[in-house]
Amino acid sequence: MKLRDAQGTLDTMLAEAGLAEEALDPWATWKVFKAFARIPVDDAVDDVTVQYEMQRAADGRPLVALYLSREFSEPGSDGADPICHVGCELFFEPEALGTATGGEFWTQDFATFRQFVDAVESAAGFQSLVNAEPFMTSVYREEA
């Protein structure tokens, strides 16, 4: 896959799984995102992150944000200067996180992708969110 095709590839994979950008099912989206994250990119280096945290909406209302993101950087770089991020964001009511706290996982912190996945999937906060219903979802490409 070329970097320019990353957003379209993710969009296609989600659509083929029957997932609409504005109504993403958390567990099904995670399964698609894991497959997307495994597709090699020819013209960039990448890192994958899963992050979730309490935030405030523009109107001040508390919410929980879950980000599934693939960060792309220039080939030959150490990833310190990202080009863009492609991923999914899901927003939940605060109680969806249960008693868990926020979490942040990066593939670069694990020896294998499998270890990364295991850490993400075993986190109490992640488990709470993938079993909850988001009130808003989207797919994005964000230039760095």
Protein backbone atom coordinates (compact mmCIF):
# COMPACT_ATOMS: atom_id res chain seq x y z
CA MET A 1 0.00 0.00 0.00
CA LYS A 2 1.16 3.52 -0.75
CA LEU A 3 0.70 6.20 1.92
CA ARG A 4 -1.64 8.16 -0.37
CA ASP A 5 -3.94 5.09 -0.39
CA ALA A 6 -4.08 4.55 3.38
CA GLN A 7 -7.29 6.49 4.03
CA GLY A 8 -9.05 4.88 1.07
CA THR A 9 -7.87 1.43 2.12
CA LEU A 10 -9.25 1.88 5.63
CA ASP A 11 -12.52 3.30 4.27
CA THR A 12 -12.90 0.32 1.92
CA MET A 13 -12.13 -2.23 4.62
CA LEU A 14 -14.68 -0.67 6.98
CA ALA A 15 -17.33 -0.56 4.23
CA GLU A 16 -16.65 -4.20 3.29
CA ALA A 17 -17.23 -5.11 6.95
CA GLY A 18 -20.58 -3.30 6.85
CA LEU A 19 -19.41 -0.43 9.05
CA ALA A 20 -20.54 3.14 8.39
CA GLU A 21 -18.19 5.96 9.40
CA GLU A 22 -20.86 7.68 11.47
CA ALA A 23 -21.98 4.47 13.25
CA LEU A 24 -18.89 2.38 13.93
CA ASP A 25 -19.32 -0.66 16.16
CA PRO A 26 -16.31 -0.60 18.52
CA TRP A 27 -15.34 -4.31 18.44
CA ALA A 28 -15.93 -4.75 14.71
CA THR A 29 -14.00 -1.53 14.03
CA TRP A 30 -11.10 -2.78 16.13
CA LYS A 31 -10.97 -6.04 14.17
CA VAL A 32 -10.87 -4.12 10.86
CA PHE A 33 -8.31 -1.66 12.22
CA LYS A 34 -5.99 -4.52 13.30
CA ALA A 35 -6.10 -5.90 9.75
CA PHE A 36 -5.46 -2.41 8.32
CA ALA A 37 -2.49 -1.95 10.67
CA ARG A 38 -0.89 -5.15 9.32
CA ILE A 39 -0.86 -3.98 5.69
CA PRO A 40 2.70 -2.96 4.79
CA VAL A 41 3.20 0.59 3.55
CA ASP A 42 5.78 1.04 0.79
CA ASP A 43 6.69 4.70 1.09
CA ALA A 44 6.59 5.51 4.81
CA VAL A 45 7.37 4.05 8.22
CA ASP A 46 4.50 3.61 10.61
CA ASP A 47 3.50 3.08 14.20
CA VAL A 48 0.08 2.15 15.55
CA THR A 49 -1.51 3.59 18.67
CA VAL A 50 -4.64 2.96 20.68
CA GLN A 51 -5.52 5.71 23.12
CA TYR A 52 -8.54 6.39 25.28
CA GLU A 53 -9.15 9.13 27.78
CA MET A 54 -11.69 11.39 29.43
CA GLN A 55 -12.11 14.68 27.57
CA ARG A 56 -14.48 17.64 27.42
CA ALA A 57 -16.67 18.37 24.43
CA ALA A 58 -16.74 21.90 23.04
CA ASP A 59 -19.80 22.58 25.20
CA GLY A 60 -17.93 21.42 28.32
CA ARG A 61 -19.72 18.07 28.61
CA PRO A 62 -17.44 15.18 29.70
CA LEU A 63 -16.92 12.30 27.29
CA VAL A 64 -14.54 9.43 26.63
CA ALA A 65 -12.58 9.39 23.38
CA LEU A 66 -11.14 6.21 21.87
CA TYR A 67 -8.59 6.67 19.08
CA LEU A 68 -7.34 3.86 16.83
CA SER A 69 -4.60 5.52 14.82
CA ARG A 70 -1.81 4.65 12.42
CA GLU A 71 0.96 7.26 12.35
CA PHE A 72 3.04 7.56 9.17
CA SER A 73 6.51 9.14 8.97
CA GLU A 74 9.13 9.64 6.26
CA PRO A 75 11.08 6.50 5.27
CA GLY A 76 14.45 6.32 6.98
CA SER A 77 13.29 8.52 9.85
CA ASP A 78 12.98 7.37 13.41
CA GLY A 79 9.31 8.32 13.40
CA ALA A 80 9.97 11.58 15.23
CA ASP A 81 8.48 13.69 12.42
CA PRO A 82 5.11 12.24 11.46
CA ILE A 83 3.55 13.06 8.09
CA CYS A 84 -0.02 12.13 8.96
CA HIS A 85 -2.34 9.98 11.04
CA VAL A 86 -5.11 7.77 9.64
CA GLY A 87 -7.62 6.17 11.95
CA CYS A 88 -10.95 5.96 13.69
CA GLU A 89 -12.28 7.93 16.62
CA LEU A 90 -15.19 6.86 18.78
CA PHE A 91 -16.82 8.96 21.50
CA PHE A 92 -18.70 7.59 24.50
CA GLU A 93 -20.58 8.81 27.53
CA PRO A 94 -18.24 9.00 30.57
CA GLU A 95 -19.77 5.97 32.30
CA ALA A 96 -18.69 3.75 29.36
CA LEU A 97 -15.16 3.69 30.79
CA GLY A 98 -16.44 2.22 34.06
CA THR A 99 -13.87 2.42 36.84
CA ALA A 100 -10.93 2.18 34.43
CA THR A 101 -8.59 5.04 33.72
CA GLY A 102 -7.23 6.22 30.38
CA GLY A 103 -4.81 4.14 28.37
CA GLU A 104 -2.17 4.64 25.69
CA PHE A 105 -0.50 1.86 23.71
CA TRP A 106 2.06 2.16 20.88
CA THR A 107 3.38 -0.69 18.76
CA GLN A 108 6.91 0.69 19.17
CA ASP A 109 6.72 -0.22 22.88
CA PHE A 110 6.24 -3.94 22.17
CA ALA A 111 8.48 -6.56 20.60
CA THR A 112 5.70 -7.86 18.33
CA PHE A 113 2.37 -6.72 16.97
CA ARG A 114 0.75 -9.66 18.78
CA GLN A 115 2.09 -8.42 22.13
CA PHE A 116 0.70 -4.95 21.37
CA VAL A 117 -2.71 -6.42 20.55
CA ASP A 118 -2.69 -8.57 23.67
CA ALA A 119 -1.89 -5.56 25.87
CA VAL A 120 -4.63 -3.44 24.27
CA GLU A 121 -7.27 -6.16 24.41
CA SER A 122 -6.52 -7.08 28.03
CA ALA A 123 -6.80 -3.49 29.30
CA ALA A 124 -9.93 -2.98 31.41
CA GLY A 125 -10.67 0.42 29.86
CA PHE A 126 -10.45 -0.90 26.33
CA GLN A 127 -12.70 -3.84 27.21
CA SER A 128 -15.26 -1.45 28.69
CA LEU A 129 -15.27 0.73 25.58
CA VAL A 130 -15.50 -2.03 22.96
CA ASN A 131 -18.54 -3.32 24.84
CA ALA A 132 -20.25 0.09 24.95
CA GLU A 133 -22.15 2.05 22.33
CA PRO A 134 -20.50 5.26 21.09
CA PHE A 135 -22.65 8.33 20.53
CA MET A 136 -20.42 9.61 17.71
CA THR A 137 -17.78 8.06 15.44
CA SER A 138 -15.66 9.05 12.47
CA VAL A 139 -12.76 8.02 10.27
CA TYR A 140 -10.02 10.57 9.73
CA ARG A 141 -6.78 11.53 8.07
CA GLU A 142 -4.94 14.24 9.94
CA GLU A 143 -1.85 15.90 8.53
CA ALA A 144 0.92 16.35 11.10
